């Protein structure tokens, strides 16, 4: 995808391996940093134990401060 590093949310250095909480944690960190804008497309990728993986995408509305992407469409999953 060739994303610039500024668009990637990194949490491992501050929080360690959070396993199943990695994506919600990254979304919370990005939201608290004000990185979401209306109409942004979120792409999330995760692997588990090297055997399972998922990639999903959705658009959201940061006006919903506690859950800006709560209505992500699970049909967008690619994995």
N, C-alpha and C. Protein backbone atom coordinates (compact mmCIF):
# COMPACT_ATOMS: atom_id res chain seq x y z
N UNK A 1 0.81 -1.19 0.00
CA UNK A 1 0.00 0.00 0.00
C UNK A 1 0.85 1.25 0.00
N UNK A 2 2.08 1.15 0.39
CA UNK A 2 3.00 2.28 0.40
C UNK A 2 2.46 3.48 1.19
N UNK A 3 2.00 3.22 2.40
CA UNK A 3 1.52 4.29 3.27
C UNK A 3 2.68 5.00 3.93
N UNK A 4 2.61 6.32 4.04
CA UNK A 4 3.65 7.01 4.81
C UNK A 4 3.51 6.64 6.29
N UNK A 5 4.62 6.55 7.00
CA UNK A 5 4.60 6.12 8.39
C UNK A 5 3.72 7.03 9.25
N UNK A 6 3.53 8.28 8.86
CA UNK A 6 2.69 9.21 9.61
C UNK A 6 1.22 8.76 9.65
N UNK A 7 0.83 7.91 8.70
CA UNK A 7 -0.55 7.43 8.65
C UNK A 7 -0.73 6.09 9.34
N UNK A 8 0.32 5.55 9.90
CA UNK A 8 0.28 4.26 10.58
C UNK A 8 0.26 4.51 12.09
N UNK A 9 -0.63 3.81 12.79
CA UNK A 9 -0.70 3.92 14.25
C UNK A 9 0.11 2.79 14.84
N UNK A 10 1.16 3.14 15.56
CA UNK A 10 2.04 2.16 16.19
C UNK A 10 1.83 2.21 17.70
N UNK A 11 1.57 1.06 18.32
CA UNK A 11 1.34 1.03 19.76
C UNK A 11 2.28 0.09 20.51
N UNK A 12 3.01 -0.74 19.82
CA UNK A 12 3.83 -1.77 20.47
C UNK A 12 4.87 -1.16 21.40
N UNK A 13 5.51 -0.07 21.00
CA UNK A 13 6.57 0.52 21.83
C UNK A 13 6.05 0.99 23.18
N UNK A 14 4.81 1.49 23.21
CA UNK A 14 4.26 2.01 24.46
C UNK A 14 3.44 0.98 25.24
N UNK A 15 2.87 0.00 24.57
CA UNK A 15 1.94 -0.91 25.23
C UNK A 15 2.33 -2.39 25.13
N UNK A 16 3.34 -2.72 24.35
CA UNK A 16 3.71 -4.12 24.17
C UNK A 16 2.73 -4.82 23.24
N UNK A 17 2.80 -6.14 23.22
CA UNK A 17 1.90 -6.94 22.39
C UNK A 17 0.56 -7.06 23.13
N UNK A 18 -0.48 -6.44 22.58
CA UNK A 18 -1.78 -6.45 23.23
C UNK A 18 -2.73 -7.46 22.61
N UNK A 19 -2.22 -8.30 21.72
CA UNK A 19 -2.97 -9.40 21.13
C UNK A 19 -4.31 -8.94 20.56
N UNK A 20 -5.40 -9.49 21.04
CA UNK A 20 -6.72 -9.20 20.47
C UNK A 20 -7.15 -7.75 20.65
N UNK A 21 -6.49 -7.03 21.55
CA UNK A 21 -6.85 -5.63 21.78
C UNK A 21 -6.06 -4.67 20.89
N UNK A 22 -5.21 -5.18 20.01
CA UNK A 22 -4.34 -4.32 19.21
C UNK A 22 -5.10 -3.32 18.35
N UNK A 23 -6.11 -3.77 17.63
CA UNK A 23 -6.85 -2.85 16.75
C UNK A 23 -7.68 -1.86 17.56
N UNK A 24 -8.47 -2.30 18.55
CA UNK A 24 -9.20 -1.30 19.34
C UNK A 24 -8.27 -0.31 20.04
N UNK A 25 -7.11 -0.78 20.52
CA UNK A 25 -6.15 0.12 21.16
C UNK A 25 -5.63 1.14 20.15
N UNK A 26 -5.24 0.69 18.97
CA UNK A 26 -4.74 1.61 17.94
C UNK A 26 -5.81 2.63 17.56
N UNK A 27 -7.07 2.20 17.46
CA UNK A 27 -8.14 3.14 17.14
C UNK A 27 -8.34 4.15 18.26
N UNK A 28 -8.25 3.71 19.49
CA UNK A 28 -8.38 4.61 20.63
C UNK A 28 -7.25 5.64 20.66
N UNK A 29 -6.03 5.18 20.43
CA UNK A 29 -4.87 6.07 20.41
C UNK A 29 -5.02 7.10 19.29
N UNK A 30 -5.37 6.65 18.09
CA UNK A 30 -5.53 7.57 16.96
C UNK A 30 -6.65 8.57 17.23
N UNK A 31 -7.74 8.10 17.81
CA UNK A 31 -8.86 8.99 18.11
C UNK A 31 -8.45 10.04 19.15
N UNK A 32 -7.73 9.62 20.19
CA UNK A 32 -7.31 10.57 21.23
C UNK A 32 -6.30 11.58 20.69
N UNK A 33 -5.57 11.20 19.65
CA UNK A 33 -4.61 12.12 19.02
C UNK A 33 -5.28 13.00 17.96
N UNK A 34 -6.58 12.82 17.75
CA UNK A 34 -7.30 13.63 16.76
C UNK A 34 -6.95 13.31 15.32
N UNK A 35 -6.58 12.06 15.06
CA UNK A 35 -6.13 11.69 13.71
C UNK A 35 -7.25 11.31 12.77
N UNK A 36 -8.49 11.16 13.26
CA UNK A 36 -9.61 10.82 12.39
C UNK A 36 -10.29 12.08 11.89
N UNK A 37 -10.67 12.05 10.62
CA UNK A 37 -11.44 13.13 10.02
C UNK A 37 -12.64 12.52 9.31
N UNK A 38 -13.74 13.26 9.24
CA UNK A 38 -14.94 12.76 8.57
C UNK A 38 -14.60 12.30 7.16
N UNK A 39 -15.05 11.11 6.81
CA UNK A 39 -14.81 10.56 5.48
C UNK A 39 -13.53 9.78 5.35
N UNK A 40 -12.66 9.80 6.37
CA UNK A 40 -11.44 8.99 6.32
C UNK A 40 -11.80 7.52 6.14
N UNK A 41 -10.93 6.80 5.48
CA UNK A 41 -11.09 5.35 5.35
C UNK A 41 -10.06 4.71 6.27
N UNK A 42 -10.54 3.83 7.12
CA UNK A 42 -9.68 3.11 8.05
C UNK A 42 -9.37 1.74 7.47
N UNK A 43 -8.10 1.39 7.45
CA UNK A 43 -7.69 0.04 7.05
C UNK A 43 -6.98 -0.58 8.25
N UNK A 44 -7.48 -1.71 8.70
CA UNK A 44 -6.91 -2.38 9.85
C UNK A 44 -6.43 -3.77 9.43
N UNK A 45 -5.24 -4.11 9.90
CA UNK A 45 -4.66 -5.42 9.58
C UNK A 45 -4.16 -6.02 10.87
N UNK A 46 -4.37 -7.31 11.04
CA UNK A 46 -3.89 -7.99 12.24
C UNK A 46 -3.56 -9.44 11.93
N UNK A 47 -2.60 -9.97 12.68
CA UNK A 47 -2.29 -11.39 12.58
C UNK A 47 -2.33 -11.97 13.99
N UNK A 48 -2.62 -13.23 14.09
CA UNK A 48 -2.65 -13.89 15.40
C UNK A 48 -1.85 -15.17 15.36
N UNK A 49 -0.80 -15.20 16.09
CA UNK A 49 0.02 -16.41 16.18
C UNK A 49 0.61 -16.84 14.84
N UNK A 50 0.57 -15.96 13.85
CA UNK A 50 1.09 -16.30 12.53
C UNK A 50 0.18 -17.21 11.73
N UNK A 51 -0.94 -17.63 12.31
CA UNK A 51 -1.82 -18.58 11.64
C UNK A 51 -3.13 -17.96 11.16
N UNK A 52 -3.54 -16.89 11.77
CA UNK A 52 -4.79 -16.23 11.40
C UNK A 52 -4.49 -14.78 11.05
N UNK A 53 -5.25 -14.24 10.10
CA UNK A 53 -5.05 -12.84 9.74
C UNK A 53 -6.35 -12.25 9.26
N UNK A 54 -6.43 -10.94 9.30
CA UNK A 54 -7.60 -10.22 8.81
C UNK A 54 -7.18 -8.84 8.38
N UNK A 55 -7.85 -8.38 7.34
CA UNK A 55 -7.73 -6.99 6.89
C UNK A 55 -9.15 -6.50 6.66
N UNK A 56 -9.46 -5.33 7.18
CA UNK A 56 -10.79 -4.77 6.95
C UNK A 56 -10.66 -3.28 6.72
N UNK A 57 -11.67 -2.70 6.12
CA UNK A 57 -11.67 -1.26 5.90
C UNK A 57 -13.06 -0.71 6.12
N UNK A 58 -13.14 0.55 6.53
CA UNK A 58 -14.43 1.20 6.71
C UNK A 58 -14.21 2.70 6.79
N UNK A 59 -15.28 3.45 6.60
CA UNK A 59 -15.24 4.90 6.74
C UNK A 59 -16.03 5.26 7.99
N UNK A 60 -15.69 6.37 8.61
CA UNK A 60 -16.35 6.73 9.85
C UNK A 60 -16.57 8.20 10.02
N UNK A 61 -17.06 8.55 11.19
CA UNK A 61 -17.38 9.92 11.54
C UNK A 61 -16.79 10.22 12.91
N UNK A 62 -15.71 11.00 12.99
CA UNK A 62 -15.07 11.26 14.28
C UNK A 62 -15.92 12.13 15.20
N UNK A 63 -17.06 12.62 14.72
CA UNK A 63 -17.94 13.38 15.61
C UNK A 63 -18.46 12.49 16.72
N UNK A 64 -18.48 11.17 16.49
CA UNK A 64 -18.83 10.22 17.55
C UNK A 64 -17.56 9.96 18.34
N UNK A 65 -17.27 10.81 19.30
CA UNK A 65 -15.98 10.80 19.98
C UNK A 65 -15.62 9.47 20.62
N UNK A 66 -16.58 8.75 21.16
CA UNK A 66 -16.25 7.50 21.84
C UNK A 66 -16.13 6.32 20.89
N UNK A 67 -16.80 6.36 19.77
CA UNK A 67 -16.76 5.24 18.82
C UNK A 67 -16.88 5.76 17.40
N UNK A 68 -15.86 6.44 16.89
CA UNK A 68 -15.99 7.06 15.57
C UNK A 68 -16.20 6.08 14.43
N UNK A 69 -15.80 4.83 14.61
CA UNK A 69 -15.93 3.85 13.54
C UNK A 69 -16.82 2.70 13.96
N UNK A 70 -17.78 2.92 14.85
CA UNK A 70 -18.56 1.81 15.39
C UNK A 70 -19.45 1.13 14.37
N UNK A 71 -19.75 1.79 13.26
CA UNK A 71 -20.64 1.20 12.26
C UNK A 71 -19.88 0.62 11.07
N UNK A 72 -18.66 0.16 11.30
CA UNK A 72 -17.89 -0.43 10.21
C UNK A 72 -18.62 -1.65 9.66
N UNK A 73 -18.63 -1.77 8.37
CA UNK A 73 -19.34 -2.85 7.70
C UNK A 73 -18.48 -4.11 7.67
N UNK A 74 -18.86 -5.16 8.40
CA UNK A 74 -18.03 -6.38 8.39
C UNK A 74 -17.94 -7.05 7.03
N UNK A 75 -18.81 -6.67 6.10
CA UNK A 75 -18.71 -7.27 4.76
C UNK A 75 -17.48 -6.79 4.03
N UNK A 76 -16.81 -5.77 4.56
CA UNK A 76 -15.60 -5.26 3.90
C UNK A 76 -14.38 -6.11 4.22
N UNK A 77 -14.53 -7.13 5.04
CA UNK A 77 -13.39 -7.95 5.43
C UNK A 77 -12.80 -8.69 4.24
N UNK A 78 -11.48 -8.74 4.24
CA UNK A 78 -10.78 -9.37 3.13
C UNK A 78 -10.03 -10.62 3.55
N UNK A 79 -10.14 -11.06 4.77
CA UNK A 79 -9.30 -12.16 5.22
C UNK A 79 -9.99 -13.30 5.83
